[in-house]
Amino acid sequence: MKICKATKKDLNKILISMGVDQVNRKSWHISSRKFVLSYITNKHNYFFIAIDKNEVVGTINGELWDDKGFAYVGEINAKGKNKDEIMKLLYEHFVKFCKKKGVTLINTYVNKNKKQQISIYKKLGMKKIGDYLGFEKRLK
């Protein structure tokens, strides 16, 4: 498995890996194609993919504000029987990327009904902060 920063060439593979339900999701204010493309091309965003046998098996995306010293994790997704391991590897790759950029804090916000996402962030070592479901990890 290889983890790399996504490019425009990866867009169709990413959309296929997301599945029809996510691609057709109505809760985003723009189409999935434009949404993912914005995370690939915007300098304040990042989008890493895990590729196995020429197929996208996992993604991690969010916002990088290296000028302010923090990064935001939007979503971590993986598929297959090793999805926990894939998410862990993606997150570890992201943490190394952040450290190189001088980031000292990674955070995210989770809907309180998203028990699976909460579990993922806890497994990755992020800690709950405040009264709402925000998670963060300080980098050394």
N, C-alpha and C. Protein backbone atom coordinates (compact mmCIF):
# COMPACT_ATOMS: atom_id res chain seq x y z
N MET A 1 0.84 -1.18 0.00
CA MET A 1 0.00 0.00 0.00
C MET A 1 0.88 1.25 0.00
N LYS A 2 0.44 2.24 -0.74
CA LYS A 2 1.17 3.50 -0.87
C LYS A 2 0.26 4.64 -0.40
N ILE A 3 0.81 5.58 0.35
CA ILE A 3 0.07 6.77 0.77
C ILE A 3 0.72 7.97 0.11
N CYS A 4 -0.10 8.80 -0.52
CA CYS A 4 0.42 9.97 -1.21
C CYS A 4 -0.61 11.09 -1.22
N LYS A 5 -0.13 12.28 -1.56
CA LYS A 5 -1.02 13.42 -1.70
C LYS A 5 -1.81 13.25 -3.00
N ALA A 6 -3.10 13.45 -2.94
CA ALA A 6 -3.96 13.27 -4.11
C ALA A 6 -3.71 14.39 -5.13
N THR A 7 -3.88 14.05 -6.39
CA THR A 7 -3.79 15.02 -7.47
C THR A 7 -5.11 14.99 -8.26
N LYS A 8 -5.24 15.91 -9.19
CA LYS A 8 -6.45 15.94 -10.03
C LYS A 8 -6.65 14.62 -10.76
N LYS A 9 -5.55 13.95 -11.13
CA LYS A 9 -5.65 12.67 -11.83
C LYS A 9 -6.33 11.60 -10.98
N ASP A 10 -6.28 11.75 -9.66
CA ASP A 10 -6.85 10.75 -8.74
C ASP A 10 -8.35 10.96 -8.49
N LEU A 11 -8.91 12.05 -8.98
CA LEU A 11 -10.29 12.43 -8.64
C LEU A 11 -11.29 11.31 -8.92
N ASN A 12 -11.28 10.73 -10.09
CA ASN A 12 -12.27 9.69 -10.40
C ASN A 12 -12.11 8.46 -9.51
N LYS A 13 -10.87 8.07 -9.21
CA LYS A 13 -10.64 6.93 -8.31
C LYS A 13 -11.17 7.23 -6.91
N ILE A 14 -10.99 8.48 -6.48
CA ILE A 14 -11.48 8.88 -5.15
C ILE A 14 -13.00 8.81 -5.11
N LEU A 15 -13.66 9.35 -6.13
CA LEU A 15 -15.12 9.33 -6.18
C LEU A 15 -15.65 7.90 -6.22
N ILE A 16 -14.99 7.02 -6.95
CA ILE A 16 -15.40 5.61 -6.98
C ILE A 16 -15.27 5.00 -5.59
N SER A 17 -14.17 5.31 -4.90
CA SER A 17 -13.97 4.74 -3.56
C SER A 17 -14.99 5.26 -2.55
N MET A 18 -15.47 6.49 -2.77
CA MET A 18 -16.47 7.07 -1.85
C MET A 18 -17.80 6.35 -1.95
N GLY A 19 -18.14 5.85 -3.11
CA GLY A 19 -19.41 5.17 -3.30
C GLY A 19 -20.51 6.14 -3.69
N VAL A 20 -21.56 5.60 -4.26
CA VAL A 20 -22.67 6.38 -4.80
C VAL A 20 -23.36 7.23 -3.73
N ASP A 21 -23.59 6.67 -2.54
CA ASP A 21 -24.29 7.42 -1.49
C ASP A 21 -23.55 8.70 -1.11
N GLN A 22 -22.24 8.61 -0.95
CA GLN A 22 -21.45 9.78 -0.60
C GLN A 22 -21.36 10.77 -1.76
N VAL A 23 -21.17 10.25 -2.96
CA VAL A 23 -21.03 11.13 -4.12
C VAL A 23 -22.32 11.90 -4.37
N ASN A 24 -23.46 11.28 -4.12
CA ASN A 24 -24.75 11.93 -4.33
C ASN A 24 -25.30 12.61 -3.08
N ARG A 25 -24.50 12.69 -2.03
CA ARG A 25 -24.92 13.27 -0.75
C ARG A 25 -25.47 14.69 -0.95
N LYS A 26 -26.62 14.96 -0.40
CA LYS A 26 -27.29 16.26 -0.57
C LYS A 26 -26.88 17.29 0.49
N SER A 27 -26.21 16.86 1.55
CA SER A 27 -25.89 17.78 2.64
C SER A 27 -24.72 18.71 2.31
N TRP A 28 -23.96 18.41 1.26
CA TRP A 28 -22.91 19.33 0.85
C TRP A 28 -23.51 20.41 -0.02
N HIS A 29 -22.99 21.62 0.07
CA HIS A 29 -23.55 22.74 -0.69
C HIS A 29 -23.07 22.74 -2.15
N ILE A 30 -22.09 21.91 -2.47
CA ILE A 30 -21.63 21.78 -3.86
C ILE A 30 -21.50 20.29 -4.17
N SER A 31 -21.33 19.96 -5.43
CA SER A 31 -21.22 18.55 -5.81
C SER A 31 -19.97 17.93 -5.19
N SER A 32 -20.01 16.62 -5.01
CA SER A 32 -18.86 15.90 -4.44
C SER A 32 -17.61 16.11 -5.28
N ARG A 33 -17.77 16.10 -6.59
CA ARG A 33 -16.63 16.30 -7.50
C ARG A 33 -15.95 17.63 -7.18
N LYS A 34 -16.72 18.72 -7.08
CA LYS A 34 -16.15 20.03 -6.79
C LYS A 34 -15.57 20.08 -5.37
N PHE A 35 -16.27 19.44 -4.43
CA PHE A 35 -15.83 19.43 -3.04
C PHE A 35 -14.46 18.77 -2.92
N VAL A 36 -14.33 17.57 -3.47
CA VAL A 36 -13.06 16.84 -3.40
C VAL A 36 -11.98 17.59 -4.16
N LEU A 37 -12.30 18.10 -5.32
CA LEU A 37 -11.33 18.84 -6.12
C LEU A 37 -10.81 20.07 -5.36
N SER A 38 -11.68 20.73 -4.62
CA SER A 38 -11.24 21.90 -3.85
C SER A 38 -10.24 21.50 -2.77
N TYR A 39 -10.41 20.31 -2.20
CA TYR A 39 -9.47 19.85 -1.18
C TYR A 39 -8.14 19.41 -1.80
N ILE A 40 -8.16 19.03 -3.05
CA ILE A 40 -6.94 18.64 -3.74
C ILE A 40 -6.15 19.86 -4.21
N THR A 41 -6.84 20.91 -4.63
CA THR A 41 -6.16 22.05 -5.27
C THR A 41 -5.94 23.27 -4.39
N ASN A 42 -6.70 23.45 -3.32
CA ASN A 42 -6.56 24.63 -2.48
C ASN A 42 -5.32 24.53 -1.60
N LYS A 43 -4.53 25.58 -1.53
CA LYS A 43 -3.27 25.50 -0.79
C LYS A 43 -3.47 25.35 0.73
N HIS A 44 -4.63 25.69 1.25
CA HIS A 44 -4.89 25.52 2.68
C HIS A 44 -5.56 24.19 3.00
N ASN A 45 -5.79 23.37 2.00
CA ASN A 45 -6.42 22.07 2.22
C ASN A 45 -5.43 20.97 1.89
N TYR A 46 -5.74 19.78 2.34
CA TYR A 46 -4.93 18.62 1.99
C TYR A 46 -5.86 17.45 1.73
N PHE A 47 -5.40 16.51 0.96
CA PHE A 47 -6.16 15.30 0.66
C PHE A 47 -5.15 14.20 0.35
N PHE A 48 -4.99 13.28 1.30
CA PHE A 48 -4.08 12.15 1.10
C PHE A 48 -4.91 10.90 0.81
N ILE A 49 -4.34 10.03 -0.01
CA ILE A 49 -5.02 8.78 -0.35
C ILE A 49 -4.11 7.59 -0.09
N ALA A 50 -4.73 6.47 0.26
CA ALA A 50 -4.03 5.19 0.37
C ALA A 50 -4.42 4.39 -0.86
N ILE A 51 -3.42 3.92 -1.59
CA ILE A 51 -3.68 3.17 -2.82
C ILE A 51 -3.14 1.75 -2.67
N ASP A 52 -3.98 0.79 -3.00
CA ASP A 52 -3.59 -0.61 -3.01
C ASP A 52 -4.08 -1.23 -4.31
N LYS A 53 -3.17 -1.82 -5.06
CA LYS A 53 -3.50 -2.44 -6.35
C LYS A 53 -4.24 -1.46 -7.27
N ASN A 54 -3.72 -0.24 -7.34
CA ASN A 54 -4.24 0.82 -8.21
C ASN A 54 -5.67 1.26 -7.85
N GLU A 55 -6.09 1.00 -6.62
CA GLU A 55 -7.43 1.38 -6.16
C GLU A 55 -7.29 2.21 -4.88
N VAL A 56 -8.09 3.27 -4.76
CA VAL A 56 -8.09 4.07 -3.54
C VAL A 56 -8.83 3.29 -2.45
N VAL A 57 -8.12 2.97 -1.36
CA VAL A 57 -8.71 2.20 -0.27
C VAL A 57 -8.91 3.05 0.99
N GLY A 58 -8.41 4.30 0.96
CA GLY A 58 -8.59 5.17 2.12
C GLY A 58 -8.24 6.60 1.78
N THR A 59 -8.85 7.52 2.54
CA THR A 59 -8.58 8.94 2.35
C THR A 59 -8.55 9.66 3.70
N ILE A 60 -7.82 10.75 3.74
CA ILE A 60 -7.87 11.68 4.88
C ILE A 60 -7.79 13.07 4.28
N ASN A 61 -8.65 13.97 4.77
CA ASN A 61 -8.65 15.33 4.22
C ASN A 61 -8.96 16.34 5.31
N GLY A 62 -8.70 17.57 5.01
CA GLY A 62 -8.99 18.64 5.94
C GLY A 62 -8.29 19.92 5.55
N GLU A 63 -8.09 20.77 6.53
CA GLU A 63 -7.50 22.09 6.29
C GLU A 63 -6.19 22.22 7.06
N LEU A 64 -5.22 22.82 6.41
CA LEU A 64 -3.90 23.02 7.00
C LEU A 64 -3.65 24.51 7.11
N TRP A 65 -3.52 24.97 8.32
CA TRP A 65 -3.23 26.39 8.54
C TRP A 65 -1.86 26.49 9.17
N ASP A 66 -0.83 26.11 8.39
CA ASP A 66 0.52 26.07 8.91
C ASP A 66 1.02 27.46 9.35
N ASP A 67 0.45 28.52 8.78
CA ASP A 67 0.85 29.86 9.23
C ASP A 67 0.32 30.17 10.62
N LYS A 68 -0.67 29.42 11.07
CA LYS A 68 -1.23 29.60 12.41
C LYS A 68 -0.85 28.42 13.32
N GLY A 69 -0.18 27.40 12.77
CA GLY A 69 0.31 26.29 13.58
C GLY A 69 -0.70 25.20 13.88
N PHE A 70 -1.83 25.15 13.14
CA PHE A 70 -2.75 24.05 13.39
C PHE A 70 -3.34 23.49 12.11
N ALA A 71 -3.87 22.28 12.24
CA ALA A 71 -4.50 21.61 11.11
C ALA A 71 -5.83 21.03 11.59
N TYR A 72 -6.77 20.96 10.67
CA TYR A 72 -8.10 20.43 10.95
C TYR A 72 -8.30 19.15 10.13
N VAL A 73 -8.74 18.09 10.79
CA VAL A 73 -9.04 16.84 10.11
C VAL A 73 -10.52 16.84 9.75
N GLY A 74 -10.82 16.77 8.45
CA GLY A 74 -12.21 16.72 8.01
C GLY A 74 -12.80 15.33 8.13
N GLU A 75 -12.26 14.39 7.38
CA GLU A 75 -12.75 13.01 7.42
C GLU A 75 -11.60 12.05 7.18
N ILE A 76 -11.69 10.90 7.83
CA ILE A 76 -10.78 9.79 7.57
C ILE A 76 -11.67 8.62 7.18
N ASN A 77 -11.44 8.07 6.01
CA ASN A 77 -12.26 6.95 5.53
C ASN A 77 -11.36 5.84 5.00
N ALA A 78 -11.83 4.61 5.14
CA ALA A 78 -11.13 3.47 4.56
C ALA A 78 -12.16 2.38 4.32
N LYS A 79 -11.78 1.46 3.44
CA LYS A 79 -12.68 0.35 3.16
C LYS A 79 -11.87 -0.95 3.16
N GLY A 80 -12.58 -2.05 3.31
CA GLY A 80 -11.92 -3.35 3.32
C GLY A 80 -11.76 -3.89 4.72
N LYS A 81 -11.20 -5.09 4.79
CA LYS A 81 -11.07 -5.75 6.09
C LYS A 81 -10.03 -5.10 6.99
N ASN A 82 -9.08 -4.35 6.43
CA ASN A 82 -8.03 -3.70 7.20
C ASN A 82 -8.28 -2.21 7.38
N LYS A 83 -9.54 -1.78 7.41
CA LYS A 83 -9.80 -0.34 7.39
C LYS A 83 -9.25 0.39 8.62
N ASP A 84 -9.26 -0.23 9.80
CA ASP A 84 -8.69 0.43 10.98
C ASP A 84 -7.20 0.68 10.79
N GLU A 85 -6.50 -0.29 10.24
CA GLU A 85 -5.07 -0.15 9.99
C GLU A 85 -4.80 0.90 8.92
N ILE A 86 -5.62 0.94 7.88
CA ILE A 86 -5.46 1.93 6.82
C ILE A 86 -5.66 3.34 7.38
N MET A 87 -6.70 3.53 8.19
CA MET A 87 -6.95 4.85 8.79
C MET A 87 -5.79 5.25 9.69
N LYS A 88 -5.26 4.30 10.46
CA LYS A 88 -4.13 4.60 11.33
C LYS A 88 -2.92 5.03 10.51
N LEU A 89 -2.62 4.32 9.42
CA LEU A 89 -1.49 4.67 8.57
C LEU A 89 -1.67 6.04 7.90
N LEU A 90 -2.89 6.32 7.45
CA LEU A 90 -3.18 7.64 6.87
C LEU A 90 -2.96 8.74 7.89
N TYR A 91 -3.45 8.53 9.10
CA TYR A 91 -3.32 9.54 10.16
C TYR A 91 -1.85 9.74 10.53
N GLU A 92 -1.10 8.64 10.64
CA GLU A 92 0.33 8.75 10.96
C GLU A 92 1.07 9.52 9.86
N HIS A 93 0.72 9.26 8.61
CA HIS A 93 1.32 9.99 7.49
C HIS A 93 0.99 11.48 7.61
N PHE A 94 -0.26 11.77 7.94
CA PHE A 94 -0.69 13.15 8.10
C PHE A 94 0.05 13.85 9.24
N VAL A 95 0.24 13.17 10.36
CA VAL A 95 0.95 13.75 11.51
C VAL A 95 2.39 14.09 11.10
N LYS A 96 3.06 13.19 10.38
CA LYS A 96 4.43 13.48 9.91
C LYS A 96 4.44 14.71 8.99
N PHE A 97 3.45 14.77 8.10
CA PHE A 97 3.30 15.91 7.20
C PHE A 97 3.14 17.20 8.00
N CYS A 98 2.29 17.16 9.03
CA CYS A 98 2.05 18.34 9.87
C CYS A 98 3.31 18.77 10.60
N LYS A 99 4.05 17.82 11.14
CA LYS A 99 5.27 18.16 11.87
C LYS A 99 6.26 18.87 10.95
N LYS A 100 6.38 18.41 9.71
CA LYS A 100 7.28 19.05 8.75
C LYS A 100 6.85 20.48 8.46
N LYS A 101 5.54 20.74 8.56
CA LYS A 101 4.99 22.07 8.28
C LYS A 101 5.00 22.98 9.51
N GLY A 102 5.44 22.46 10.67
CA GLY A 102 5.47 23.26 11.88
C GLY A 102 4.15 23.31 12.63
N VAL A 103 3.24 22.43 12.31
CA VAL A 103 1.94 22.37 12.99
C VAL A 103 2.14 21.83 14.40
N THR A 104 1.49 22.46 15.37
CA THR A 104 1.60 22.01 16.76
C THR A 104 0.28 21.50 17.32
N LEU A 105 -0.81 21.65 16.58
CA LEU A 105 -2.12 21.20 17.06
C LEU A 105 -2.96 20.70 15.89
N ILE A 106 -3.52 19.51 16.05
CA ILE A 106 -4.47 18.96 15.08
C ILE A 106 -5.81 18.86 15.79
N ASN A 107 -6.88 19.35 15.14
CA ASN A 107 -8.19 19.24 15.77
C ASN A 107 -9.25 18.81 14.76
N THR A 108 -10.42 18.46 15.29
CA THR A 108 -11.57 18.12 14.47
C THR A 108 -12.82 18.31 15.31
N TYR A 109 -13.96 18.33 14.66
CA TYR A 109 -15.24 18.42 15.34
C TYR A 109 -16.14 17.32 14.81
N VAL A 110 -16.86 16.68 15.72
CA VAL A 110 -17.65 15.51 15.37
C VAL A 110 -19.07 15.67 15.88
N ASN A 111 -20.05 15.32 15.06
CA ASN A 111 -21.44 15.28 15.49
C ASN A 111 -21.57 14.25 16.59
N LYS A 112 -22.26 14.58 17.68
CA LYS A 112 -22.35 13.67 18.83
C LYS A 112 -23.03 12.34 18.50
N ASN A 113 -23.72 12.26 17.38
CA ASN A 113 -24.37 11.01 16.97
C ASN A 113 -23.45 10.09 16.17
N LYS A 114 -22.29 10.57 15.81
CA LYS A 114 -21.35 9.81 14.98
C LYS A 114 -20.42 8.98 15.85
N LYS A 115 -20.95 7.95 16.47
CA LYS A 115 -20.20 7.12 17.42
C LYS A 115 -18.97 6.47 16.78
N GLN A 116 -19.09 6.03 15.52
CA GLN A 116 -17.96 5.39 14.86
C GLN A 116 -16.80 6.38 14.66
N GLN A 117 -17.12 7.61 14.23
CA GLN A 117 -16.08 8.62 14.06
C GLN A 117 -15.43 8.96 15.40
N ILE A 118 -16.24 9.09 16.45
CA ILE A 118 -15.70 9.37 17.78
C ILE A 118 -14.72 8.28 18.19
N SER A 119 -15.10 7.05 17.96
CA SER A 119 -14.24 5.92 18.29
C SER A 119 -12.93 5.97 17.51
N ILE A 120 -13.00 6.31 16.24
CA ILE A 120 -11.79 6.40 15.41
C ILE A 120 -10.84 7.45 15.97
N TYR A 121 -11.34 8.64 16.26
CA TYR A 121 -10.47 9.71 16.75
C TYR A 121 -9.84 9.35 18.10
N LYS A 122 -10.60 8.70 18.96
CA LYS A 122 -10.05 8.27 20.24
C LYS A 122 -8.94 7.24 20.03
N LYS A 123 -9.16 6.28 19.12
CA LYS A 123 -8.14 5.27 18.83
C LYS A 123 -6.86 5.91 18.29
N LEU A 124 -7.00 7.02 17.59
CA LEU A 124 -5.85 7.70 17.02
C LEU A 124 -5.12 8.58 18.03
N GLY A 125 -5.62 8.62 19.26
CA GLY A 125 -4.94 9.37 20.32
C GLY A 125 -5.42 10.79 20.49
N MET A 126 -6.51 11.16 19.83
CA MET A 126 -7.04 12.51 20.00
C MET A 126 -7.87 12.54 21.27
N LYS A 127 -7.88 13.68 21.93
CA LYS A 127 -8.58 13.84 23.20
C LYS A 127 -9.78 14.76 23.04
N LYS A 128 -10.86 14.44 23.77
CA LYS A 128 -12.06 15.28 23.75
C LYS A 128 -11.76 16.60 24.45
N ILE A 129 -12.28 17.68 23.86
CA ILE A 129 -12.10 19.00 24.47
C ILE A 129 -13.45 19.69 24.62
N GLY A 130 -13.60 20.46 25.66
CA GLY A 130 -14.80 21.27 25.85
C GLY A 130 -16.08 20.47 26.01
N ASP A 131 -17.19 21.17 25.93
CA ASP A 131 -18.50 20.57 26.11
C ASP A 131 -19.05 19.96 24.83
N TYR A 132 -18.52 20.36 23.70
CA TYR A 132 -18.97 19.77 22.45
C TYR A 132 -17.91 18.79 21.97
N LEU A 133 -18.23 18.02 20.98
CA LEU A 133 -17.34 16.94 20.59
C LEU A 133 -16.25 17.42 19.65
N GLY A 134 -15.30 18.09 20.24
CA GLY A 134 -14.11 18.46 19.52
C GLY A 134 -12.99 17.55 20.00
N PHE A 135 -12.14 17.15 19.12
CA PHE A 135 -11.01 16.32 19.49
C PHE A 135 -9.75 17.01 18.99
N GLU A 136 -8.66 16.84 19.73
CA GLU A 136 -7.42 17.44 19.31
C GLU A 136 -6.25 16.59 19.74
N LYS A 137 -5.12 16.84 19.11
CA LYS A 137 -3.88 16.17 19.46
C LYS A 137 -2.77 17.18 19.34
N ARG A 138 -2.02 17.36 20.42
CA ARG A 138 -0.87 18.25 20.41
C ARG A 138 0.33 17.47 19.88
N LEU A 139 1.10 18.12 19.03
CA LEU A 139 2.29 17.51 18.46
C LEU A 139 3.52 18.04 19.17
N LYS A 140 4.52 17.19 19.33
CA LYS A 140 5.75 17.60 20.03
C LYS A 140 6.82 17.93 19.04
